[in-house]
Amino acid sequence: MRVIKINFLRRSYIPYLLALLVILCMFALSPPKAFAATNGKITYCGETEGGVDVFVMDADGSNKSQLTNDGLSCYPSFAPNGSRIMYWYTVGESLQTGMINPDGTSNQTGVVDGAYGYWLPDSTKLFFIDFSGGFQPKTANADGSSQQSVDWAPGLEGPLNVLNFSPDGSKIAYANPDGDRTSVYVADADGSNSSVISTLPFGVGPNFSADGNTIYFVGSTDAESFSLYSVGTDGTNQTELQALPATGSPVKLNKSPSGTKLLYVAQGDTNRTFDVYTMNIDGSNQTQIIDEYDSENGVTVSGFSWSPDSQKLVFSGHGELDEIYDIFTINIDGSELTNLTNTPDDSEPIAYTGQAWGAAPESPEPESDSGDQDNITDEVENAAPNSGDANNDGTPDAEQSNVSSLVDPISGEYAVLEVSVECTVSSVSMDSESSAHDDSDFSYPTGLMDFTLDCGTNGFTADITQHYYNQSN
């Protein structure tokens, strides 16, 4: 743990932004724990006597349950909040989309006439392709109402062109061939007002940041070596963040639900092998979790899906000597590879979609901030290091008005604010430098802290100490 102390003179009730603090160290980042959703069930498509149907199971592979029984349903995907499962099924030669609850109730068929759908971030809308009149991308409410055409058509780059919606659903980002270039675009959700935001000759795999103001994408100047880039949604501040580790062509870039991690898949030494990495949102802490995953002997059939808490990934594949596909989970550091299904026969379960892992239902009444006024819930502070006493003063942080512990949404690690005992801290938050304060002279790799102090007397000199956990020198 690194401790940074400041002696700071302020008037009461004036927010202090941590832009004044020069942090001359790099931080070891990991996904957030206390702020992330709780892992719920995993949905997948499994073979049945009648054909293929939709199943769910607990995150450890237990309590497997078949949801549909028509023998024609597959490609299930969870709403981000875990409330509903969308799936596709065939009617003659056409494709339609259905919805069902994770417990198998409220099975609604014919939600939309189309397929290849996925959920928008708020879990109330979906994106799909309507094939009734050719090829028409659309959005709709989860019940199929309010369908709206999207003025967008994919180019020739296959999965690299998948639309990425902003967190509020108002914008889309995508990559399309543009003459001898492959450009990254941002447009309104209906496809209007599109504009190229990357100046590179090659850009693919755009992902919105958690605040919706930045696009992360894979870029290259020569289409041979690749780097992670960021750029504002208005095309400004394009920045090369980190060189990407694999030399093969990019296959997938996918942001974690927490917004702090990226999954990167690239071709390996041959066209049928793939290397899989996780990294921080800025490209640091690159970790290879799968090396040379073979498309003939261990293919990831549908790519990977993040767990809601951003700590694990779920994917489909089979071992080098086993031709039966199964569903696996793996930690984002590459540890604890677990076969959840261990299929003994040809009934192969496949987690097809990138939204195969749902969140657990939210608690109806989250724990309140009862011990102080810092706007950090007791649940978060009690989960801090040292059994909730992150500043190690012998008293739980949740019980002290001058101490706040929270998870930095940028680094995913706990940060602690401790001020003079005469003062009360309130309205504590942390955000990225780009969102909170643009300081061209310094870099703040874990973001900036914002808070308000009331020390009772104007001109009071307050001692401010900040603790940062799990960082390297």
Protein backbone atom coordinates (compact mmCIF):
# COMPACT_ATOMS: atom_id res chain seq x y z
CA MET A 1 0.00 0.00 0.00
CA ARG A 2 1.32 3.44 -0.90
CA VAL A 3 0.47 6.40 1.33
CA ILE A 4 0.49 9.99 0.09
CA LYS A 5 0.14 12.91 2.52
CA ILE A 6 -0.81 16.49 1.80
CA ASN A 7 -1.05 19.51 4.08
CA PHE A 8 -3.78 21.61 2.57
CA LEU A 9 -5.33 24.99 3.52
CA ARG A 10 -8.94 25.42 2.38
CA ARG A 11 -12.11 27.18 3.35
CA SER A 12 -14.94 24.97 4.61
CA TYR A 13 -17.35 23.29 2.18
CA ILE A 14 -15.03 23.75 -0.82
CA PRO A 15 -14.48 20.65 -2.99
CA TYR A 16 -10.88 19.67 -3.35
CA LEU A 17 -9.93 18.01 -6.63
CA LEU A 18 -6.90 15.79 -6.46
CA ALA A 19 -5.43 17.37 -9.59
CA LEU A 20 -3.10 19.24 -7.22
CA LEU A 21 -1.45 16.01 -6.22
CA VAL A 22 1.49 14.87 -8.32
CA ILE A 23 1.65 11.07 -8.28
CA LEU A 24 5.01 9.92 -9.54
CA CYS A 25 4.33 6.21 -9.59
CA MET A 26 2.57 3.63 -11.70
CA PHE A 27 -0.25 1.55 -10.30
CA ALA A 28 -0.95 -2.17 -10.60
CA LEU A 29 -4.57 -2.28 -11.78
CA SER A 30 -7.27 -4.92 -11.32
CA PRO A 31 -11.05 -4.97 -11.86
CA PRO A 32 -13.32 -3.40 -9.28
CA LYS A 33 -14.94 -5.65 -6.76
CA ALA A 34 -17.28 -3.63 -4.58
CA PHE A 35 -18.84 -1.60 -7.40
CA ALA A 36 -19.31 -4.47 -9.83
CA ALA A 37 -22.44 -6.51 -10.39
CA THR A 38 -22.82 -9.91 -8.76
CA ASN A 39 -22.38 -12.95 -11.02
CA GLY A 40 -25.60 -14.75 -11.81
CA LYS A 41 -26.40 -17.62 -14.16
CA ILE A 42 -24.79 -18.60 -17.47
CA THR A 43 -26.99 -19.31 -20.49
CA TYR A 44 -26.06 -21.59 -23.34
CA CYS A 45 -27.43 -23.66 -26.21
CA GLY A 46 -27.48 -27.43 -25.78
CA GLU A 47 -28.44 -30.39 -27.91
CA THR A 48 -31.68 -32.17 -26.96
CA GLU A 49 -33.62 -35.07 -28.42
CA GLY A 50 -35.68 -32.62 -30.45
CA GLY A 51 -32.75 -30.54 -31.71
CA VAL A 52 -31.25 -27.61 -29.82
CA ASP A 53 -32.67 -25.60 -26.92
CA VAL A 54 -31.77 -22.88 -24.43
CA PHE A 55 -30.38 -23.78 -21.00
CA VAL A 56 -29.13 -21.97 -17.91
CA MET A 57 -26.83 -23.07 -15.09
CA ASP A 58 -25.27 -21.53 -12.03
CA ALA A 59 -21.84 -19.94 -12.41
CA ASP A 60 -20.17 -23.06 -10.98
CA GLY A 61 -21.92 -25.37 -13.48
CA SER A 62 -24.53 -26.65 -11.06
CA ASN A 63 -28.33 -26.55 -11.36
CA LYS A 64 -28.54 -26.93 -15.13
CA SER A 65 -32.05 -26.24 -16.41
CA GLN A 66 -33.61 -26.43 -19.89
CA LEU A 67 -35.70 -23.34 -20.67
CA THR A 68 -37.12 -23.98 -24.16
CA ASN A 69 -38.53 -27.19 -25.58
CA ASP A 70 -39.12 -26.58 -29.28
CA GLY A 71 -35.80 -28.01 -30.48
CA LEU A 72 -35.28 -24.90 -32.60
CA SER A 73 -33.94 -22.28 -30.16
CA CYS A 74 -30.35 -21.22 -29.70
CA TYR A 75 -27.95 -18.24 -29.39
CA PRO A 76 -29.22 -17.06 -25.98
CA SER A 77 -27.95 -13.85 -24.39
CA PHE A 78 -28.61 -12.30 -20.99
CA ALA A 79 -29.79 -8.76 -20.52
CA PRO A 80 -26.97 -6.93 -18.73
CA ASN A 81 -29.07 -6.71 -15.56
CA GLY A 82 -29.84 -10.44 -15.67
CA SER A 83 -33.61 -9.99 -15.94
CA ARG A 84 -34.36 -11.63 -19.32
CA ILE A 85 -32.76 -13.94 -21.87
CA MET A 86 -33.04 -13.22 -25.58
CA TYR A 87 -32.71 -16.12 -28.04
CA TRP A 88 -33.23 -16.85 -31.72
CA TYR A 89 -35.29 -19.62 -33.25
CA THR A 90 -36.31 -20.76 -36.72
CA VAL A 91 -39.78 -20.70 -38.23
CA GLY A 92 -39.53 -22.42 -41.59
CA GLU A 93 -36.74 -20.56 -43.34
CA SER A 94 -37.06 -17.37 -41.29
CA LEU A 95 -35.42 -16.33 -38.05
CA GLN A 96 -37.29 -14.81 -35.12
CA THR A 97 -36.36 -13.60 -31.66
CA GLY A 98 -37.87 -14.72 -28.36
CA MET A 99 -37.56 -13.68 -24.73
CA ILE A 100 -37.72 -15.78 -21.58
CA ASN A 101 -37.05 -15.33 -17.88
CA PRO A 102 -34.01 -17.13 -16.39
CA ASP A 103 -36.39 -19.39 -14.42
CA GLY A 104 -38.18 -20.46 -17.61
CA THR A 105 -41.33 -18.38 -17.10
CA SER A 106 -42.83 -15.73 -19.42
CA ASN A 107 -41.58 -17.27 -22.65
CA GLN A 108 -42.46 -14.71 -25.34
CA THR A 109 -42.01 -15.79 -28.96
CA GLY A 110 -42.17 -13.54 -32.00
CA VAL A 111 -40.76 -10.52 -30.18
CA VAL A 112 -39.25 -9.32 -33.45
CA ASP A 113 -39.03 -10.75 -36.93
CA GLY A 114 -35.26 -11.08 -37.14
CA ALA A 115 -32.21 -12.32 -35.30
CA TYR A 116 -28.49 -11.70 -34.67
CA GLY A 117 -29.54 -9.50 -31.79
CA TYR A 118 -27.83 -8.26 -28.68
CA TRP A 119 -28.81 -6.10 -25.74
CA LEU A 120 -28.20 -2.40 -25.36
CA PRO A 121 -26.47 -1.39 -22.10
CA ASP A 122 -29.61 -0.37 -20.20
CA SER A 123 -31.29 -3.81 -20.64
CA THR A 124 -34.48 -2.21 -22.01
CA LYS A 125 -33.67 -2.31 -25.72
CA LEU A 126 -32.14 -4.69 -28.22
CA PHE A 127 -30.38 -4.47 -31.56
CA PHE A 128 -31.19 -7.01 -34.28
CA ILE A 129 -31.21 -7.63 -38.02
CA ASP A 130 -34.58 -7.74 -39.80
CA PHE A 131 -34.27 -10.07 -42.81
CA SER A 132 -37.90 -9.80 -43.96
CA GLY A 133 -37.02 -7.20 -46.56
CA GLY A 134 -33.37 -8.02 -47.08
CA PHE A 135 -30.92 -6.78 -44.47
CA GLN A 136 -32.11 -4.03 -42.14
CA PRO A 137 -30.47 -3.33 -38.78
CA LYS A 138 -32.98 -2.14 -36.18
CA THR A 139 -33.41 -1.34 -32.52
CA ALA A 140 -36.52 -2.10 -30.49
CA ASN A 141 -37.79 -2.19 -26.94
CA ALA A 142 -37.36 -5.51 -25.18
CA ASP A 143 -41.01 -6.35 -25.90
CA GLY A 144 -40.54 -5.69 -29.64
CA SER A 145 -42.27 -2.31 -29.68
CA SER A 146 -40.93 0.98 -31.03
CA GLN A 147 -38.80 -0.58 -33.76
CA GLN A 148 -36.43 1.89 -35.37
CA SER A 149 -34.24 1.33 -38.41
CA VAL A 150 -30.52 1.95 -38.07
CA ASP A 151 -28.91 3.50 -41.10
CA TRP A 152 -25.86 1.27 -41.05
CA ALA A 153 -24.61 -1.64 -43.11
CA PRO A 154 -21.52 -3.69 -42.30
CA GLY A 155 -18.65 -3.71 -44.69
CA LEU A 156 -16.48 -6.67 -45.50
CA GLU A 157 -14.55 -7.02 -42.25
CA GLY A 158 -16.95 -9.43 -40.57
CA PRO A 159 -17.07 -9.36 -36.76
CA LEU A 160 -14.82 -6.32 -36.58
CA ASN A 161 -17.83 -4.28 -37.69
CA VAL A 162 -20.09 -5.13 -34.77
CA LEU A 163 -21.86 -2.05 -33.47
CA ASN A 164 -20.93 -0.80 -30.02
CA PHE A 165 -23.52 1.32 -28.24
CA SER A 166 -22.68 4.11 -25.83
CA PRO A 167 -23.66 3.50 -22.18
CA ASP A 168 -26.78 5.66 -22.55
CA GLY A 169 -27.69 4.09 -25.91
CA SER A 170 -27.64 7.40 -27.77
CA LYS A 171 -24.55 6.75 -29.95
CA ILE A 172 -23.02 3.90 -31.92
CA ALA A 173 -19.42 3.24 -32.87
CA TYR A 174 -18.31 0.89 -35.62
CA ALA A 175 -15.51 0.22 -38.10
CA ASN A 176 -16.10 0.02 -41.85
CA PRO A 177 -13.94 -0.23 -44.97
CA ASP A 178 -13.54 3.20 -46.49
CA GLY A 179 -11.72 2.92 -49.81
CA ASP A 180 -8.22 1.69 -49.03
CA ARG A 181 -8.76 2.39 -45.31
CA THR A 182 -10.73 0.83 -42.47
CA SER A 183 -12.13 3.72 -40.49
CA VAL A 184 -13.74 4.09 -37.06
CA TYR A 185 -17.06 5.92 -37.08
CA VAL A 186 -19.35 7.41 -34.44
CA ALA A 187 -23.00 8.14 -35.20
CA ASP A 188 -26.32 8.72 -33.51
CA ALA A 189 -28.14 5.56 -32.46
CA ASP A 190 -30.22 5.59 -35.64
CA GLY A 191 -27.09 5.79 -37.80
CA SER A 192 -27.48 9.46 -38.66
CA ASN A 193 -24.81 12.13 -38.26
CA SER A 194 -21.98 9.65 -38.77
CA SER A 195 -18.41 10.88 -38.78
CA VAL A 196 -14.94 9.34 -39.01
CA ILE A 197 -13.10 9.88 -35.72
CA SER A 198 -9.77 8.13 -36.41
CA THR A 199 -7.01 9.50 -38.58
CA LEU A 200 -5.28 6.13 -38.88
CA PRO A 201 -5.41 4.08 -42.08
CA PHE A 202 -6.57 1.05 -40.08
CA GLY A 203 -8.89 1.08 -37.08
CA VAL A 204 -11.23 -1.65 -35.79
CA GLY A 205 -13.03 -2.88 -32.68
CA PRO A 206 -14.29 0.41 -31.20
CA ASN A 207 -15.54 0.36 -27.59
CA PHE A 208 -17.10 3.25 -25.68
CA SER A 209 -15.59 4.21 -22.33
CA ALA A 210 -17.71 3.93 -19.20
CA ASP A 211 -18.58 7.65 -19.37
CA GLY A 212 -19.33 7.51 -23.11
CA ASN A 213 -16.85 10.27 -24.00
CA THR A 214 -13.94 8.18 -25.30
CA ILE A 215 -13.55 5.40 -27.87
CA TYR A 216 -10.93 2.67 -27.41
CA PHE A 217 -9.97 0.80 -30.57
CA VAL A 218 -7.27 -1.25 -32.28
CA GLY A 219 -5.29 0.84 -34.73
CA SER A 220 -2.34 0.52 -37.05
CA THR A 221 -0.37 2.62 -39.48
CA ASP A 222 0.70 -0.35 -41.61
CA ALA A 223 -1.89 -3.11 -40.86
CA GLU A 224 1.00 -5.29 -39.64
CA SER A 225 1.67 -4.15 -36.08
CA PHE A 226 -1.20 -3.02 -33.86
CA SER A 227 -1.69 -0.75 -30.87
CA LEU A 228 -4.49 0.24 -28.54
CA TYR A 229 -5.69 3.79 -29.20
CA SER A 230 -8.12 6.16 -27.56
CA VAL A 231 -9.93 9.06 -29.18
CA GLY A 232 -12.70 11.41 -28.16
CA THR A 233 -16.13 10.75 -29.64
CA ASP A 234 -15.70 14.06 -31.49
CA GLY A 235 -12.44 12.85 -33.07
CA THR A 236 -10.11 14.88 -30.85
CA ASN A 237 -7.19 13.73 -28.69
CA GLN A 238 -6.34 10.55 -30.59
CA THR A 239 -3.67 8.83 -28.50
CA GLU A 240 -1.62 5.68 -28.93
CA LEU A 241 -1.86 4.05 -25.50
CA GLN A 242 0.08 0.78 -25.75
CA ALA A 243 1.46 -1.55 -28.38
CA LEU A 244 -0.62 -4.73 -28.44
CA PRO A 245 1.24 -7.94 -27.68
CA ALA A 246 0.26 -10.21 -30.56
CA THR A 247 1.57 -9.67 -34.08
CA GLY A 248 -1.40 -11.35 -35.78
CA SER A 249 -4.47 -9.56 -37.06
CA PRO A 250 -6.99 -8.42 -34.42
CA VAL A 251 -10.11 -10.53 -34.04
CA LYS A 252 -11.90 -8.99 -31.07
CA LEU A 253 -11.67 -6.12 -28.59
CA ASN A 254 -14.28 -6.11 -25.84
CA LYS A 255 -14.63 -3.91 -22.77
CA SER A 256 -15.50 -5.45 -19.39
CA PRO A 257 -18.79 -4.55 -17.66
CA SER A 258 -16.83 -2.53 -15.10
CA GLY A 259 -15.31 -0.45 -17.88
CA THR A 260 -11.80 -0.96 -16.49
CA LYS A 261 -10.61 -3.97 -18.51
CA LEU A 262 -10.33 -5.06 -22.14
CA LEU A 263 -10.35 -8.50 -23.72
CA TYR A 264 -8.19 -8.75 -26.83
CA VAL A 265 -8.14 -11.68 -29.24
CA ALA A 266 -5.68 -11.84 -32.12
CA GLN A 267 -4.55 -14.41 -34.64
CA GLY A 268 -1.57 -16.47 -33.55
CA ASP A 269 1.31 -17.78 -35.62
CA THR A 270 -1.09 -19.36 -38.10
CA ASN A 271 -4.52 -18.39 -39.38
CA ARG A 272 -6.17 -21.10 -37.29
CA THR A 273 -4.67 -20.23 -33.90
CA PHE A 274 -5.62 -17.42 -31.58
CA ASP A 275 -3.96 -15.61 -28.68
CA VAL A 276 -6.21 -14.22 -25.95
CA TYR A 277 -5.23 -11.37 -23.61
CA THR A 278 -6.76 -9.24 -20.89
CA MET A 279 -5.48 -5.78 -20.05
CA ASN A 280 -6.41 -2.57 -18.31
CA ILE A 281 -8.51 -0.07 -20.21
CA ASP A 282 -5.37 1.95 -21.00
CA GLY A 283 -3.56 -1.12 -22.39
CA SER A 284 -1.33 -1.68 -19.36
CA ASN A 285 -0.98 -4.95 -17.44
CA GLN A 286 -1.33 -7.10 -20.55
CA THR A 287 -1.87 -10.73 -19.54
CA GLN A 288 -2.00 -13.64 -21.94
CA ILE A 289 -4.65 -16.01 -20.64
CA ILE A 290 -4.70 -18.41 -23.59
CA ASP A 291 -1.70 -19.10 -25.80
CA GLU A 292 -2.16 -20.36 -29.36
CA TYR A 293 -5.74 -21.52 -28.93
CA ASP A 294 -6.20 -23.81 -31.92
CA SER A 295 -9.26 -23.42 -34.15
CA GLU A 296 -9.22 -27.14 -34.89
CA ASN A 297 -8.18 -28.45 -31.47
CA GLY A 298 -9.78 -26.14 -28.96
CA VAL A 299 -11.69 -23.45 -30.81
CA THR A 300 -13.49 -20.71 -28.92
CA VAL A 301 -16.68 -21.20 -30.85
CA SER A 302 -18.43 -17.95 -30.02
CA GLY A 303 -15.73 -15.83 -28.50
CA PHE A 304 -15.66 -14.90 -24.84
CA SER A 305 -18.22 -13.38 -22.48
CA TRP A 306 -17.27 -11.34 -19.42
CA SER A 307 -18.66 -12.20 -16.02
CA PRO A 308 -20.79 -9.35 -14.62
CA ASP A 309 -18.18 -8.66 -11.91
CA SER A 310 -15.42 -8.48 -14.57
CA GLN A 311 -13.32 -11.05 -12.72
CA LYS A 312 -13.82 -14.02 -15.08
CA LEU A 313 -14.55 -15.02 -18.67
CA VAL A 314 -16.77 -17.78 -20.02
CA PHE A 315 -16.19 -19.44 -23.39
CA SER A 316 -16.86 -22.60 -25.38
CA GLY A 317 -14.16 -24.97 -26.54
CA HIS A 318 -12.72 -28.45 -26.39
CA GLY A 319 -9.41 -29.94 -25.42
CA GLU A 320 -6.70 -31.00 -27.81
CA LEU A 321 -7.66 -34.69 -27.58
CA ASP A 322 -11.37 -34.18 -26.95
CA GLU A 323 -13.71 -33.34 -29.81
CA ILE A 324 -16.69 -32.67 -27.52
CA TYR A 325 -17.33 -29.00 -26.89
CA ASP A 326 -17.83 -27.78 -23.33
CA ILE A 327 -18.24 -24.51 -21.51
CA PHE A 328 -15.32 -23.18 -19.49
CA THR A 329 -14.62 -20.28 -17.16
CA ILE A 330 -11.23 -18.75 -16.50
CA ASN A 331 -9.96 -15.94 -14.29
CA ILE A 332 -8.77 -12.82 -16.06
CA ASP A 333 -5.20 -13.58 -14.98
CA GLY A 334 -5.37 -16.97 -16.75
CA SER A 335 -5.78 -19.05 -13.59
CA GLU A 336 -8.49 -21.52 -12.58
CA LEU A 337 -9.55 -22.82 -15.97
CA THR A 338 -12.75 -24.75 -15.12
CA ASN A 339 -14.88 -27.04 -17.27
CA LEU A 340 -18.47 -26.38 -16.21
CA THR A 341 -20.22 -28.98 -18.32
CA ASN A 342 -17.84 -31.95 -18.77
CA THR A 343 -20.08 -33.39 -21.49
CA PRO A 344 -19.54 -37.17 -21.72
CA ASP A 345 -21.27 -37.63 -25.09
CA ASP A 346 -22.15 -35.78 -28.26
CA SER A 347 -24.66 -33.47 -26.58
CA GLU A 348 -22.46 -30.44 -26.92
CA PRO A 349 -23.32 -27.28 -24.96
CA ILE A 350 -22.17 -24.03 -26.54
CA ALA A 351 -22.12 -20.54 -25.05
CA TYR A 352 -22.56 -18.77 -28.35
CA THR A 353 -22.94 -15.11 -27.50
CA GLY A 354 -20.90 -12.35 -25.92
CA GLN A 355 -23.66 -11.91 -23.31
CA ALA A 356 -23.80 -15.46 -22.00
CA TRP A 357 -23.22 -14.56 -18.33
CA GLY A 358 -26.00 -12.69 -16.57
CA ALA A 359 -25.96 -10.59 -13.44
CA ALA A 360 -27.67 -11.76 -10.29
CA PRO A 361 -30.87 -9.90 -9.40
CA GLU A 362 -30.19 -6.67 -7.57
CA SER A 363 -31.08 -6.37 -3.91
CA PRO A 364 -34.26 -4.32 -3.51
CA GLU A 365 -32.76 -2.08 -0.84
CA PRO A 366 -29.00 -1.50 -1.02
CA GLU A 367 -27.20 -0.95 2.23
CA SER A 368 -27.24 2.70 3.27
CA ASP A 369 -24.43 5.06 4.16
CA SER A 370 -25.46 5.06 7.81
CA GLY A 371 -22.16 5.67 9.59
CA ASP A 372 -21.01 8.92 7.97
CA GLN A 373 -21.81 11.43 5.21
CA ASP A 374 -19.29 10.52 2.52
CA ASN A 375 -21.86 9.06 0.08
CA ILE A 376 -20.03 5.71 0.14
CA THR A 377 -22.21 2.82 1.26
CA ASP A 378 -21.29 0.84 4.34
CA GLU A 379 -21.19 -2.26 2.16
CA VAL A 380 -18.35 -0.80 0.08
CA GLU A 381 -16.40 0.53 3.08
CA ASN A 382 -16.82 -2.69 5.06
CA ALA A 383 -15.37 -4.64 2.11
CA ALA A 384 -12.19 -2.54 2.16
CA PRO A 385 -8.81 -4.05 3.11
CA ASN A 386 -8.04 -4.82 6.75
CA SER A 387 -11.66 -5.85 7.41
CA GLY A 388 -13.02 -2.42 6.56
CA ASP A 389 -10.32 -0.46 8.38
CA ALA A 390 -8.36 0.47 5.26
CA ASN A 391 -6.36 3.25 6.93
CA ASN A 392 -5.48 0.86 9.78
CA ASP A 393 -6.36 3.19 12.64
CA GLY A 394 -8.33 0.60 14.60
CA THR A 395 -11.81 1.91 13.72
CA PRO A 396 -13.93 0.77 10.72
CA ASP A 397 -13.94 3.42 8.00
CA ALA A 398 -17.74 3.33 7.76
CA GLU A 399 -17.96 4.59 11.37
CA GLN A 400 -15.71 7.62 10.87
CA SER A 401 -16.80 10.94 9.40
CA ASN A 402 -13.21 11.85 8.52
CA VAL A 403 -12.31 8.63 6.64
CA SER A 404 -13.67 7.25 3.36
CA SER A 405 -12.65 4.10 1.51
CA LEU A 406 -13.87 3.35 -2.00
CA VAL A 407 -12.97 1.47 -5.15
CA ASP A 408 -11.34 3.62 -7.80
CA PRO A 409 -13.38 2.93 -10.99
CA ILE A 410 -10.26 3.47 -13.10
CA SER A 411 -7.80 1.18 -11.30
CA GLY A 412 -10.24 -1.19 -9.64
CA GLU A 413 -8.30 -1.04 -6.36
CA TYR A 414 -9.23 0.53 -3.04
CA ALA A 415 -8.28 4.13 -2.35
CA VAL A 416 -8.69 5.73 1.08
CA LEU A 417 -9.19 9.37 2.03
CA GLU A 418 -8.27 10.35 5.60
CA VAL A 419 -8.53 13.94 6.86
CA SER A 420 -8.04 15.69 10.20
CA VAL A 421 -10.38 14.42 12.91
CA GLU A 422 -11.80 17.93 13.29
CA CYS A 423 -13.18 17.73 9.75
CA THR A 424 -16.09 15.92 8.15
CA VAL A 425 -15.74 14.61 4.60
CA SER A 426 -18.69 14.34 2.23
CA SER A 427 -19.54 13.73 -1.44
CA VAL A 428 -16.49 11.57 -2.12
CA SER A 429 -16.01 10.29 -5.66
CA MET A 430 -13.27 9.32 -8.12
CA ASP A 431 -13.18 9.72 -11.89
CA SER A 432 -10.79 9.58 -14.80
CA GLU A 433 -8.54 12.54 -15.53
CA SER A 434 -10.26 13.12 -18.88
CA SER A 435 -13.68 13.29 -17.19
CA ALA A 436 -12.73 15.22 -14.06
CA HIS A 437 -9.85 17.50 -14.98
CA ASP A 438 -7.56 17.81 -17.97
CA ASP A 439 -4.02 18.41 -16.70
CA SER A 440 -1.52 18.35 -19.56
CA ASP A 441 1.48 18.59 -17.22
CA PHE A 442 0.88 15.40 -15.23
CA SER A 443 -0.58 11.92 -15.58
CA TYR A 444 -3.02 10.41 -13.09
CA PRO A 445 -3.21 6.70 -13.97
CA THR A 446 -5.82 5.88 -11.33
CA GLY A 447 -7.93 8.97 -11.82
CA LEU A 448 -8.69 11.89 -9.54
CA MET A 449 -10.50 12.20 -6.23
CA ASP A 450 -13.19 14.78 -5.56
CA PHE A 451 -14.61 15.54 -2.09
CA THR A 452 -15.93 18.25 0.20
CA LEU A 453 -14.55 19.11 3.65
CA ASP A 454 -16.28 20.86 6.54
CA CYS A 455 -13.75 21.72 9.22
CA GLY A 456 -16.00 24.13 11.11
CA THR A 457 -13.75 27.19 10.77
CA ASN A 458 -12.69 29.16 7.73
CA GLY A 459 -8.93 29.02 7.26
CA PHE A 460 -8.54 25.71 9.11
CA THR A 461 -5.44 23.78 8.06
CA ALA A 462 -6.44 20.20 7.23
CA ASP A 463 -4.11 17.23 6.99
CA ILE A 464 -5.15 15.03 4.07
CA THR A 465 -3.77 11.52 3.67
CA GLN A 466 -4.53 9.23 0.77
CA HIS A 467 -3.85 5.48 0.77
CA TYR A 468 -3.60 3.51 -2.49
CA TYR A 469 -3.68 -0.28 -2.40
CA ASN A 470 -1.90 -2.79 -4.66
CA GLN A 471 0.34 -0.58 -6.72
CA SER A 472 3.85 -1.07 -7.97
CA ASN A 473 6.64 1.48 -7.66
